[in-house]
C-alpha atoms as a PDB file:
ATOM      1  CA  MET A   1     -91.437 -25.329  51.591  1.00  0.00           C
ATOM      2  CA  LYS A   2     -92.726 -22.091  50.103  1.00  0.00           C
ATOM      3  CA  PRO A   3     -90.842 -19.718  52.520  1.00  0.00           C
ATOM      4  CA  LEU A   4     -87.621 -21.644  51.864  1.00  0.00           C
ATOM      5  CA  TYR A   5     -88.165 -21.370  48.097  1.00  0.00           C
ATOM      6  CA  ILE A   6     -88.717 -17.608  48.394  1.00  0.00           C
ATOM      7  CA  ALA A   7     -85.579 -17.210  50.494  1.00  0.00           C
ATOM      8  CA  LEU A   8     -83.483 -19.160  48.000  1.00  0.00           C
ATOM      9  CA  MET A   9     -84.824 -17.081  45.130  1.00  0.00           C
ATOM     10  CA  ALA A  10     -83.997 -13.872  47.018  1.00  0.00           C
ATOM     11  CA  ILE A  11     -80.429 -15.033  47.597  1.00  0.00           C
ATOM     12  CA  PHE A  12     -80.107 -15.956  43.912  1.00  0.00           C
ATOM     13  CA  PHE A  13     -81.476 -12.542  42.869  1.00  0.00           C
ATOM     14  CA  MET A  14     -79.053 -10.659  45.136  1.00  0.00           C
ATOM     15  CA  ALA A  15     -76.112 -12.691  43.865  1.00  0.00           C
ATOM     16  CA  SER A  16     -77.164 -12.032  40.296  1.00  0.00           C
ATOM     17  CA  CYS A  17     -77.387  -8.283  40.949  1.00  0.00           C
ATOM     18  CA  GLU A  18     -73.959  -8.294  42.587  1.00  0.00           C
ATOM     19  CA  GLU A  19     -72.455 -10.193  39.659  1.00  0.00           C
ATOM     20  CA  SER A  20     -74.196  -7.845  37.244  1.00  0.00           C
ATOM     21  CA  GLY A  21     -72.722  -4.860  39.126  1.00  0.00           C
ATOM     22  CA  LYS A  22     -69.237  -6.318  38.813  1.00  0.00           C
ATOM     23  CA  LYS A  23     -69.705  -6.851  35.096  1.00  0.00           C
ATOM     24  CA  THR A  24     -71.042  -3.333  34.663  1.00  0.00           C
ATOM     25  CA  SER A  25     -67.979  -1.898  36.408  1.00  0.00           C
ATOM     26  CA  LYS A  26     -65.670  -4.005  34.258  1.00  0.00           C
ATOM     27  CA  LEU A  27     -67.438  -2.858  31.090  1.00  0.00           C
ATOM     28  CA  LEU A  28     -66.759   0.815  31.780  1.00  0.00           C
ATOM     29  CA  PRO A  29     -64.482   2.315  29.107  1.00  0.00           C
ATOM     30  CA  LYS A  30     -60.884   3.173  29.928  1.00  0.00           C
ATOM     31  CA  SER A  31     -60.426   6.805  30.953  1.00  0.00           C
ATOM     32  CA  ILE A  32     -58.322   9.216  28.928  1.00  0.00           C
ATOM     33  CA  GLY A  33     -56.453  12.462  29.520  1.00  0.00           C
ATOM     34  CA  ASN A  34     -52.973  13.862  29.924  1.00  0.00           C
ATOM     35  CA  ILE A  35     -51.456  13.941  33.395  1.00  0.00           C
ATOM     36  CA  ASN A  36     -52.669  16.970  35.392  1.00  0.00           C
ATOM     37  CA  SER A  37     -55.445  17.810  32.940  1.00  0.00           C
ATOM     38  CA  THR A  38     -59.087  18.099  33.926  1.00  0.00           C
ATOM     39  CA  GLN A  39     -62.386  18.885  32.278  1.00  0.00           C
ATOM     40  CA  VAL A  40     -65.004  21.355  33.507  1.00  0.00           C
ATOM     41  CA  VAL A  41     -68.555  20.672  32.341  1.00  0.00           C
ATOM     42  CA  ILE A  42     -70.496  23.920  32.683  1.00  0.00           C
ATOM     43  CA  GLU A  43     -72.729  26.192  30.625  1.00  0.00           C
ATOM     44  CA  ASN A  44     -70.805  28.785  28.627  1.00  0.00           C
ATOM     45  CA  ASP A  45     -72.475  31.747  30.339  1.00  0.00           C
ATOM     46  CA  LEU A  46     -71.475  30.440  33.789  1.00  0.00           C
ATOM     47  CA  TRP A  47     -67.931  29.681  32.611  1.00  0.00           C
ATOM     48  CA  ASN A  48     -67.514  33.204  31.278  1.00  0.00           C
ATOM     49  CA  ASP A  49     -68.938  34.730  34.477  1.00  0.00           C
ATOM     50  CA  ASP A  50     -67.907  34.796  38.138  1.00  0.00           C
ATOM     51  CA  VAL A  51     -68.505  31.047  38.554  1.00  0.00           C
ATOM     52  CA  GLY A  52     -65.910  30.194  35.910  1.00  0.00           C
ATOM     53  CA  GLU A  53     -63.529  32.735  37.383  1.00  0.00           C
ATOM     54  CA  LYS A  54     -63.803  31.050  40.792  1.00  0.00           C
ATOM     55  CA  ILE A  55     -63.146  27.615  39.264  1.00  0.00           C
ATOM     56  CA  ARG A  56     -60.056  28.908  37.448  1.00  0.00           C
ATOM     57  CA  GLU A  57     -58.844  30.605  40.622  1.00  0.00           C
ATOM     58  CA  TYR A  58     -58.489  27.207  42.296  1.00  0.00           C
ATOM     59  CA  LEU A  59     -57.925  24.628  39.544  1.00  0.00           C
ATOM     60  CA  ALA A  60     -55.483  26.839  37.630  1.00  0.00           C
ATOM     61  CA  ALA A  61     -53.706  28.234  40.702  1.00  0.00           C
ATOM     62  CA  PRO A  62     -49.890  28.403  40.372  1.00  0.00           C
ATOM     63  CA  VAL A  63     -48.052  25.262  41.478  1.00  0.00           C
ATOM     64  CA  ASP A  64     -45.952  25.857  44.595  1.00  0.00           C
ATOM     65  CA  GLY A  65     -42.180  25.790  44.258  1.00  0.00           C
ATOM     66  CA  LEU A  66     -41.738  26.226  40.502  1.00  0.00           C
ATOM     67  CA  PRO A  67     -39.409  28.932  39.136  1.00  0.00           C
ATOM     68  CA  GLN A  68     -41.986  29.974  36.525  1.00  0.00           C
ATOM     69  CA  GLU A  69     -45.740  30.130  36.996  1.00  0.00           C
ATOM     70  CA  GLU A  70     -47.572  27.015  35.813  1.00  0.00           C
ATOM     71  CA  PRO A  71     -51.193  26.005  36.597  1.00  0.00           C
ATOM     72  CA  LEU A  72     -52.144  23.200  38.949  1.00  0.00           C
ATOM     73  CA  PHE A  73     -54.293  21.634  36.201  1.00  0.00           C
ATOM     74  CA  SER A  74     -54.633  22.212  32.478  1.00  0.00           C
ATOM     75  CA  ILE A  75     -58.363  22.877  32.023  1.00  0.00           C
ATOM     76  CA  THR A  76     -60.732  22.299  29.125  1.00  0.00           C
ATOM     77  CA  GLN A  77     -64.335  23.507  29.331  1.00  0.00           C
ATOM     78  CA  MET A  78     -67.348  21.879  27.726  1.00  0.00           C
ATOM     79  CA  PRO A  79     -71.086  22.763  27.852  1.00  0.00           C
ATOM     80  CA  PRO A  80     -73.375  19.970  29.151  1.00  0.00           C
ATOM     81  CA  ALA A  81     -75.087  19.619  25.752  1.00  0.00           C
ATOM     82  CA  ALA A  82     -71.809  18.395  24.233  1.00  0.00           C
ATOM     83  CA  TYR A  83     -70.878  16.179  27.183  1.00  0.00           C
ATOM     84  CA  ASP A  84     -71.614  12.702  25.894  1.00  0.00           C
ATOM     85  CA  GLY A  85     -69.933   9.580  24.589  1.00  0.00           C
ATOM     86  CA  PHE A  86     -66.148   9.847  24.321  1.00  0.00           C
ATOM     87  CA  ALA A  87     -66.185  13.213  26.128  1.00  0.00           C
ATOM     88  CA  LYS A  88     -67.356  11.491  29.334  1.00  0.00           C
ATOM     89  CA  THR A  89     -64.205   9.372  29.638  1.00  0.00           C
ATOM     90  CA  TYR A  90     -61.834  12.074  30.903  1.00  0.00           C
ATOM     91  CA  ARG A  91     -60.007  10.819  33.985  1.00  0.00           C
ATOM     92  CA  SER A  92     -61.042  13.792  36.136  1.00  0.00           C
ATOM     93  CA  PHE A  93     -63.810  16.302  35.683  1.00  0.00           C
ATOM     94  CA  MET A  94     -65.906  18.876  37.498  1.00  0.00           C
ATOM     95  CA  HIS A  95     -69.601  19.138  36.599  1.00  0.00           C
ATOM     96  CA  VAL A  96     -71.128  22.462  37.705  1.00  0.00           C
ATOM     97  CA  ALA A  97     -74.779  23.335  37.180  1.00  0.00           C
ATOM     98  CA  ILE A  98     -77.800  25.289  38.391  1.00  0.00           C
ATOM     99  CA  GLY A  99     -80.357  22.915  39.921  1.00  0.00           C
ATOM    100  CA  ASP A 100     -83.087  22.536  42.512  1.00  0.00           C
ATOM    101  CA  LYS A 101     -80.805  21.906  45.510  1.00  0.00           C
ATOM    102  CA  ASP A 102     -77.362  22.683  46.944  1.00  0.00           C
ATOM    103  CA  THR A 103     -75.071  19.666  46.868  1.00  0.00           C
ATOM    104  CA  VAL A 104     -71.454  18.615  46.310  1.00  0.00           C
ATOM    105  CA  SER A 105     -70.380  15.033  45.680  1.00  0.00           C
ATOM    106  CA  ILE A 106     -67.140  13.376  44.579  1.00  0.00           C
ATOM    107  CA  ARG A 107     -67.701  10.095  42.757  1.00  0.00           C
ATOM    108  CA  LYS A 108     -65.324   7.366  41.681  1.00  0.00           C
ATOM    109  CA  ASN A 109     -65.641   5.855  38.196  1.00  0.00           C
ATOM    110  CA  PRO A 110     -69.045   7.323  37.227  1.00  0.00           C
ATOM    111  CA  TYR A 111     -68.527   6.941  33.452  1.00  0.00           C
ATOM    112  CA  ALA A 112     -65.070   5.380  32.983  1.00  0.00           C
ATOM    113  CA  ARG A 113     -62.243   3.812  34.991  1.00  0.00           C
ATOM    114  CA  PRO A 114     -60.184   5.025  36.650  1.00  0.00           C
ATOM    115  CA  GLN A 115     -62.069   8.307  36.990  1.00  0.00           C
ATOM    116  CA  VAL A 116     -62.915  10.934  39.602  1.00  0.00           C
ATOM    117  CA  GLY A 117     -65.812  13.321  39.104  1.00  0.00           C
ATOM    118  CA  ALA A 118     -66.846  16.293  41.244  1.00  0.00           C
ATOM    119  CA  PHE A 119     -70.527  17.278  40.915  1.00  0.00           C
ATOM    120  CA  ILE A 120     -71.533  20.733  42.180  1.00  0.00           C
ATOM    121  CA  ILE A 121     -75.174  21.860  42.031  1.00  0.00           C
ATOM    122  CA  SER A 122     -76.832  24.964  43.474  1.00  0.00           C
ATOM    123  CA  LYS A 123     -79.997  26.992  42.991  1.00  0.00           C
ATOM    124  CA  THR A 124     -78.043  30.179  42.232  1.00  0.00           C
ATOM    125  CA  LYS A 125     -74.727  31.400  40.846  1.00  0.00           C
ATOM    126  CA  GLU A 126     -73.863  32.767  44.264  1.00  0.00           C
ATOM    127  CA  GLY A 127     -74.524  29.322  45.724  1.00  0.00           C
ATOM    128  CA  LEU A 128     -72.190  27.690  43.193  1.00  0.00           C
ATOM    129  CA  ILE A 129     -69.408  30.112  44.091  1.00  0.00           C
ATOM    130  CA  ARG A 130     -69.908  29.433  47.791  1.00  0.00           C
ATOM    131  CA  LEU A 131     -69.822  25.647  47.321  1.00  0.00           C
ATOM    132  CA  ILE A 132     -66.683  25.869  45.181  1.00  0.00           C
ATOM    133  CA  GLU A 133     -64.990  27.985  47.848  1.00  0.00           C
ATOM    134  CA  GLU A 134     -66.002  25.585  50.614  1.00  0.00           C
ATOM    135  CA  HIS A 135     -65.068  22.332  48.881  1.00  0.00           C
ATOM    136  CA  HIS A 136     -62.214  23.147  46.499  1.00  0.00           C
ATOM    137  CA  GLU A 137     -59.523  21.689  48.774  1.00  0.00           C
ATOM    138  CA  ARG A 138     -61.033  18.196  48.947  1.00  0.00           C
ATOM    139  CA  ILE A 139     -61.871  18.243  45.229  1.00  0.00           C
ATOM    140  CA  ILE A 140     -58.294  19.179  44.332  1.00  0.00           C
ATOM    141  CA  ALA A 141     -56.983  16.543  46.781  1.00  0.00           C
ATOM    142  CA  ALA A 142     -59.123  13.873  45.079  1.00  0.00           C
ATOM    143  CA  PHE A 143     -57.951  14.932  41.615  1.00  0.00           C
ATOM    144  CA  HIS A 144     -54.321  15.052  42.765  1.00  0.00           C
ATOM    145  CA  ALA A 145     -54.475  11.571  44.329  1.00  0.00           C
ATOM    146  CA  SER A 146     -56.012  10.205  41.131  1.00  0.00           C
ATOM    147  CA  GLU A 147     -53.244  11.743  39.029  1.00  0.00           C
ATOM    148  CA  ILE A 148     -50.512  10.371  41.307  1.00  0.00           C
ATOM    149  CA  ALA A 149     -52.040   6.878  40.998  1.00  0.00           C
ATOM    150  CA  GLU A 150     -52.174   7.200  37.207  1.00  0.00           C
ATOM    151  CA  ARG A 151     -48.583   8.467  37.004  1.00  0.00           C
ATOM    152  CA  GLN A 152     -47.456   5.545  39.191  1.00  0.00           C
ATOM    153  CA  ARG A 153     -49.376   3.111  36.972  1.00  0.00           C
ATOM    154  CA  ARG A 154     -47.582   4.429  33.880  1.00  0.00           C
ATOM    155  CA  ILE A 155     -44.235   4.284  35.667  1.00  0.00           C
ATOM    156  CA  GLY A 156     -44.914   0.626  36.484  1.00  0.00           C
ATOM    157  CA  VAL A 157     -44.960  -0.332  32.795  1.00  0.00           C
ATOM    158  CA  SER A 158     -41.135  -0.355  32.711  1.00  0.00           C
ATOM    159  CA  LEU A 159     -39.342  -0.255  36.059  1.00  0.00           C
ATOM    160  CA  LEU A 160     -35.680   0.224  36.912  1.00  0.00           C
ATOM    161  CA  LYS A 161     -34.281  -2.896  38.575  1.00  0.00           C
ATOM    162  CA  SER A 162     -31.815  -2.032  41.316  1.00  0.00           C
ATOM    163  CA  ASP A 163     -31.296  -3.524  44.768  1.00  0.00           C
ATOM    164  CA  SER A 164     -28.423  -1.300  45.903  1.00  0.00           C
ATOM    165  CA  LEU A 165     -30.666   1.532  47.161  1.00  0.00           C
ATOM    166  CA  LYS A 166     -32.499  -0.891  49.429  1.00  0.00           C
ATOM    167  CA  GLY A 167     -29.201  -2.343  50.587  1.00  0.00           C
ATOM    168  CA  TYR A 168     -27.703   1.049  51.492  1.00  0.00           C
ATOM    169  CA  PHE A 169     -30.736   2.872  52.951  1.00  0.00           C
ATOM    170  CA  GLY A 170     -33.454   0.293  53.552  1.00  0.00           C
ATOM    171  CA  VAL A 171     -35.870   1.911  51.096  1.00  0.00           C
ATOM    172  CA  SER A 172     -37.203   0.928  47.692  1.00  0.00           C
ATOM    173  CA  LEU A 173     -38.641   3.208  44.997  1.00  0.00           C
ATOM    174  CA  ARG A 174     -40.654   2.371  41.899  1.00  0.00           C
ATOM    175  CA  MET A 175     -39.058   4.422  39.131  1.00  0.00           C
ATOM    176  CA  PRO A 176     -38.898   4.289  35.338  1.00  0.00           C
ATOM    177  CA  SER A 177     -36.184   2.219  33.702  1.00  0.00           C
ATOM    178  CA  ALA A 178     -34.996   5.428  31.974  1.00  0.00           C
ATOM    179  CA  TYR A 179     -33.256   6.374  35.240  1.00  0.00           C
ATOM    180  CA  ARG A 180     -29.659   5.357  35.874  1.00  0.00           C
ATOM    181  CA  VAL A 181     -27.528   5.282  39.019  1.00  0.00           C
ATOM    182  CA  ALA A 182     -25.070   8.187  38.955  1.00  0.00           C
ATOM    183  CA  LEU A 183     -23.595   7.650  42.444  1.00  0.00           C
ATOM    184  CA  ALA A 184     -24.178   4.898  44.993  1.00  0.00           C
ATOM    185  CA  THR A 185     -22.618   4.883  48.464  1.00  0.00           C
ATOM    186  CA  ASP A 186     -23.883   4.244  51.970  1.00  0.00           C
ATOM    187  CA  GLU A 187     -23.855   8.022  52.572  1.00  0.00           C
ATOM    188  CA  PHE A 188     -25.410   9.413  49.386  1.00  0.00           C
ATOM    189  CA  TYR A 189     -27.392   7.888  46.514  1.00  0.00           C
ATOM    190  CA  TRP A 190     -28.075   9.707  43.226  1.00  0.00           C
ATOM    191  CA  LEU A 191     -30.208   8.658  40.270  1.00  0.00           C
ATOM    192  CA  ARG A 192     -30.843  10.668  37.132  1.00  0.00           C
ATOM    193  CA  LYS A 193     -32.759  10.607  33.857  1.00  0.00           C
ATOM    194  CA  ASP A 194     -31.658  12.438  30.718  1.00  0.00           C
ATOM    195  CA  LEU A 195     -34.283  14.574  28.995  1.00  0.00           C
ATOM    196  CA  LYS A 196     -34.649  15.170  25.260  1.00  0.00           C
ATOM    197  CA  ASP A 197     -33.776  18.858  25.573  1.00  0.00           C
ATOM    198  CA  GLY A 198     -30.476  18.136  27.316  1.00  0.00           C
ATOM    199  CA  GLY A 199     -31.744  18.587  30.879  1.00  0.00           C
ATOM    200  CA  THR A 200     -32.178  15.999  33.627  1.00  0.00           C
ATOM    201  CA  THR A 201     -34.491  14.924  36.381  1.00  0.00           C
ATOM    202  CA  ASN A 202     -32.768  13.657  39.507  1.00  0.00           C
ATOM    203  CA  ILE A 203     -33.437  11.758  42.717  1.00  0.00           C
ATOM    204  CA  ILE A 204     -31.110  11.822  45.720  1.00  0.00           C
ATOM    205  CA  VAL A 205     -31.347   9.793  48.934  1.00  0.00           C
ATOM    206  CA  TYR A 206     -29.491  10.171  52.220  1.00  0.00           C
ATOM    207  CA  GLU A 207     -30.166  10.135  55.966  1.00  0.00           C
ATOM    208  CA  VAL A 208     -29.538  12.437  58.900  1.00  0.00           C
ATOM    209  CA  PRO A 209     -29.929  12.098  62.695  1.00  0.00           C
ATOM    210  CA  LEU A 210     -33.331  12.912  64.168  1.00  0.00           C
ATOM    211  CA  ASP A 211     -31.927  15.913  66.046  1.00  0.00           C
ATOM    212  CA  MET A 212     -30.779  17.624  62.836  1.00  0.00           C
ATOM    213  CA  ILE A 213     -34.309  18.909  62.146  1.00  0.00           C
ATOM    214  CA  GLY A 214     -35.966  20.821  64.980  1.00  0.00           C
ATOM    215  CA  LYS A 215     -39.574  21.831  65.458  1.00  0.00           C
ATOM    216  CA  ASP A 216     -41.951  24.658  64.572  1.00  0.00           C
ATOM    217  CA  SER A 217     -40.158  27.836  63.492  1.00  0.00           C
ATOM    218  CA  THR A 218     -36.745  26.223  62.927  1.00  0.00           C
ATOM    219  CA  VAL A 219     -37.863  23.449  60.556  1.00  0.00           C
ATOM    220  CA  VAL A 220     -37.480  25.331  57.257  1.00  0.00           C
ATOM    221  CA  ASN A 221     -34.077  26.738  58.196  1.00  0.00           C
ATOM    222  CA  ASP A 222     -32.915  23.325  59.422  1.00  0.00           C
ATOM    223  CA  ILE A 223     -33.969  21.640  56.185  1.00  0.00           C
ATOM    224  CA  VAL A 224     -32.322  24.341  54.047  1.00  0.00           C
ATOM    225  CA  THR A 225     -29.109  24.084  56.090  1.00  0.00           C
ATOM    226  CA  MET A 226     -29.193  20.287  55.825  1.00  0.00           C
ATOM    227  CA  ARG A 227     -29.704  20.120  52.057  1.00  0.00           C
ATOM    228  CA  ASP A 228     -27.230  22.929  51.311  1.00  0.00           C
ATOM    229  CA  SER A 229     -24.571  21.190  53.387  1.00  0.00           C
ATOM    230  CA  ILE A 230     -25.065  17.576  52.282  1.00  0.00           C
ATOM    231  CA  SER A 231     -26.205  17.985  48.666  1.00  0.00           C
ATOM    232  CA  GLY A 232     -23.859  20.918  48.201  1.00  0.00           C
ATOM    233  CA  ASN A 233     -20.922  18.759  49.204  1.00  0.00           C
ATOM    234  CA  ARG A 234     -21.936  15.621  47.317  1.00  0.00           C
ATOM    235  CA  LEU A 235     -23.257  16.787  43.941  1.00  0.00           C
ATOM    236  CA  PRO A 236     -20.434  17.543  41.489  1.00  0.00           C
ATOM    237  CA  VAL A 237     -20.470  21.126  40.200  1.00  0.00           C
ATOM    238  CA  GLU A 238     -17.844  22.837  38.056  1.00  0.00           C
ATOM    239  CA  ASP A 239     -15.564  25.684  39.157  1.00  0.00           C
ATOM    240  CA  ASP A 240     -15.982  25.042  42.881  1.00  0.00           C
ATOM    241  CA  ALA A 241     -19.576  26.310  42.815  1.00  0.00           C
ATOM    242  CA  ARG A 242     -22.227  24.777  45.061  1.00  0.00           C
ATOM    243  CA  PHE A 243     -25.689  23.287  44.621  1.00  0.00           C
ATOM    244  CA  ILE A 244     -27.771  25.240  47.173  1.00  0.00           C
ATOM    245  CA  THR A 245     -31.292  26.398  47.967  1.00  0.00           C
ATOM    246  CA  GLU A 246     -32.096  29.658  46.214  1.00  0.00           C
ATOM    247  CA  GLU A 247     -31.619  32.401  48.790  1.00  0.00           C
ATOM    248  CA  ALA A 248     -34.109  34.928  47.395  1.00  0.00           C
ATOM    249  CA  TYR A 249     -37.267  32.958  48.304  1.00  0.00           C
ATOM    250  CA  SER A 250     -38.206  30.877  51.324  1.00  0.00           C
ATOM    251  CA  PRO A 251     -39.317  27.340  50.380  1.00  0.00           C
ATOM    252  CA  PHE A 252     -42.876  26.103  50.947  1.00  0.00           C
ATOM    253  CA  LEU A 253     -43.273  23.672  53.870  1.00  0.00           C
ATOM    254  CA  PHE A 254     -46.107  21.151  54.354  1.00  0.00           C
ATOM    255  CA  ALA A 255     -46.881  18.215  56.608  1.00  0.00           C
ATOM    256  CA  SER A 256     -47.073  14.992  54.634  1.00  0.00           C
ATOM    257  CA  GLU A 257     -46.854  11.209  54.939  1.00  0.00           C
ATOM    258  CA  ILE A 258     -44.720   8.633  53.145  1.00  0.00           C
ATOM    259  CA  ASP A 259     -45.293   4.899  53.664  1.00  0.00           C
ATOM    260  CA  GLY A 260     -47.304   5.598  56.812  1.00  0.00           C
ATOM    261  CA  LYS A 261     -44.614   7.787  58.385  1.00  0.00           C
ATOM    262  CA  PHE A 262     -44.751  11.517  59.089  1.00  0.00           C
ATOM    263  CA  ALA A 263     -42.710  13.615  56.665  1.00  0.00           C
ATOM    264  CA  TYR A 264     -41.860  17.276  56.118  1.00  0.00           C
ATOM    265  CA  GLU A 265     -42.534  18.158  52.488  1.00  0.00           C
ATOM    266  CA  THR A 266     -40.466  21.084  51.220  1.00  0.00           C
ATOM    267  CA  LYS A 267     -40.819  22.688  47.784  1.00  0.00           C
ATOM    268  CA  GLY A 268     -38.540  25.370  46.473  1.00  0.00           C
ATOM    269  CA  THR A 269     -35.870  26.344  43.979  1.00  0.00           C
ATOM    270  CA  TRP A 270     -32.228  25.273  43.859  1.00  0.00           C
ATOM    271  CA  GLU A 271     -29.482  27.305  42.212  1.00  0.00           C
ATOM    272  CA  ILE A 272     -25.804  27.219  41.325  1.00  0.00           C
ATOM    273  CA  LYS A 273     -24.501  30.723  41.813  1.00  0.00           C
ATOM    274  CA  GLY A 274     -22.488  32.274  39.024  1.00  0.00           C
ATOM    275  CA  GLN A 275     -23.477  29.580  36.511  1.00  0.00           C
ATOM    276  CA  TYR A 276     -27.057  30.722  35.887  1.00  0.00           C
ATOM    277  CA  MET A 277     -28.358  27.246  36.646  1.00  0.00           C
ATOM    278  CA  ALA A 278     -31.516  26.723  38.690  1.00  0.00           C
ATOM    279  CA  GLY A 279     -34.636  24.634  38.925  1.00  0.00           C
ATOM    280  CA  PRO A 280     -37.318  23.268  41.269  1.00  0.00           C
ATOM    281  CA  PHE A 281     -36.856  20.692  44.029  1.00  0.00           C
ATOM    282  CA  LEU A 282     -39.193  18.558  46.140  1.00  0.00           C
ATOM    283  CA  ASN A 283     -37.773  17.264  49.419  1.00  0.00           C
ATOM    284  CA  TYR A 284     -39.306  14.752  51.847  1.00  0.00           C
ATOM    285  CA  ALA A 285     -37.717  14.456  55.284  1.00  0.00           C
ATOM    286  CA  ILE A 286     -39.315  11.244  56.576  1.00  0.00           C
ATOM    287  CA  LYS A 287     -39.273  10.732  60.323  1.00  0.00           C
ATOM    288  CA  ASP A 288     -38.110   7.136  60.729  1.00  0.00           C
ATOM    289  CA  GLU A 289     -37.980   6.620  64.494  1.00  0.00           C
ATOM    290  CA  THR A 290     -37.515   2.857  64.084  1.00  0.00           C
ATOM    291  CA  ASN A 291     -34.104   3.537  62.553  1.00  0.00           C
ATOM    292  CA  ASN A 292     -33.437   6.711  64.581  1.00  0.00           C
ATOM    293  CA  ARG A 293     -33.123   8.945  61.516  1.00  0.00           C
ATOM    294  CA  TYR A 294     -34.735  11.264  59.027  1.00  0.00           C
ATOM    295  CA  LEU A 295     -34.646   9.554  55.653  1.00  0.00           C
ATOM    296  CA  ILE A 296     -34.285  12.236  52.972  1.00  0.00           C
ATOM    297  CA  LEU A 297     -35.816  11.698  49.539  1.00  0.00           C
ATOM    298  CA  GLU A 298     -35.448  14.563  47.090  1.00  0.00           C
ATOM    299  CA  GLY A 299     -36.303  15.073  43.449  1.00  0.00           C
ATOM    300  CA  PHE A 300     -35.028  18.020  41.420  1.00  0.00           C
ATOM    301  CA  THR A 301     -35.111  19.089  37.788  1.00  0.00           C
ATOM    302  CA  TYR A 302     -32.696  20.888  35.504  1.00  0.00           C
ATOM    303  CA  ALA A 303     -34.534  21.705  32.279  1.00  0.00           C
ATOM    304  CA  PRO A 304     -34.042  25.361  31.321  1.00  0.00           C
ATOM    305  CA  THR A 305     -36.155  25.220  28.135  1.00  0.00           C
ATOM    306  CA  ALA A 306     -38.945  22.948  29.395  1.00  0.00           C
ATOM    307  CA  ARG A 307     -41.992  23.437  31.576  1.00  0.00           C
ATOM    308  CA  LYS A 308     -41.381  21.900  34.973  1.00  0.00           C
ATOM    309  CA  ARG A 309     -44.806  21.002  36.412  1.00  0.00           C
ATOM    310  CA  ASP A 310     -45.138  17.500  34.997  1.00  0.00           C
ATOM    311  CA  LEU A 311     -41.450  16.699  35.426  1.00  0.00           C
ATOM    312  CA  GLN A 312     -41.682  17.472  39.135  1.00  0.00           C
ATOM    313  CA  PHE A 313     -44.987  15.616  39.331  1.00  0.00           C
ATOM    314  CA  GLU A 314     -43.329  12.440  38.071  1.00  0.00           C
ATOM    315  CA  LEU A 315     -40.680  12.856  40.767  1.00  0.00           C
ATOM    316  CA  GLU A 316     -43.424  13.256  43.379  1.00  0.00           C
ATOM    317  CA  ALA A 317     -45.091  10.047  42.171  1.00  0.00           C
ATOM    318  CA  ILE A 318     -41.776   8.187  42.418  1.00  0.00           C
ATOM    319  CA  LEU A 319     -40.951   9.474  45.913  1.00  0.00           C
ATOM    320  CA  LYS A 320     -44.462   8.671  47.173  1.00  0.00           C
ATOM    321  CA  SER A 321     -43.956   5.055  46.091  1.00  0.00           C
ATOM    322  CA  ALA A 322     -41.267   4.624  48.782  1.00  0.00           C
ATOM    323  CA  LYS A 323     -41.365   1.501  50.947  1.00  0.00           C
ATOM    324  CA  ILE A 324     -39.187   1.691  54.054  1.00  0.00           C
ATOM    325  CA  GLN A 325     -37.814  -1.335  55.886  1.00  0.00           C
END
């Protein structure tokens, strides 16, 4: 009987540890922080030296596609001696230090939830710089994904209820109830939200045949031609002007994915010539072979007196919530 007793006790101990782990996770404090803000925990001398400069080069790099320069993340720096208690609940942080080994790790919920922390340790300053250079893309990707999830969580507090978009285009979006339908047809769908300063954020949806967007070198031109033709014809503008892609700068093009489908992600600036109106846009051309189309989801902002980064980020979070039938 003794071996059986030992085995039962071992099972009980493991179950207790597992339950304790669950409770520990649940007892973590709620994370804090504004959207697209991050904390860097690093000694002051490193922050004010080449290591800090390298961190700022990546985390505060200009956001693609905005008409004015704005940083990827708003950064606050804190020395390790002050990093305790409430300070450890920031939603995303980078901890950089001199240590006895070279290592980089990205951890989920180390001190709060939800939270993402990047830990970078090296024996030398030169080693820290090298590790930051080598791993900045995956660190930024982890921070960005965490911020999108948080923005979507906040959006979910009060959602717009509308079935017509799904009925016309076979797609649903989770968007704040502050949005309203400005135009709804089976050819073009437009939603907008009024901002406090008199501007707006906007979402438009339409579809085009698969052969309208080519491959490789023609993609950007095809997307610009498509949006200038369709949006230019559909969006109402005074004095016979047109809503078009700004001609002075070529948009940024990336490969992306929406609801498991390949998508071209295009970021750039729109303009209305002669009216001194312009702003940023984010366009997803989703390859929907099941329905023999590219489904176009675009978000754009008109807010001449406001900073655009977080406005466009909310639009990105909304468009990435798309579910396609």
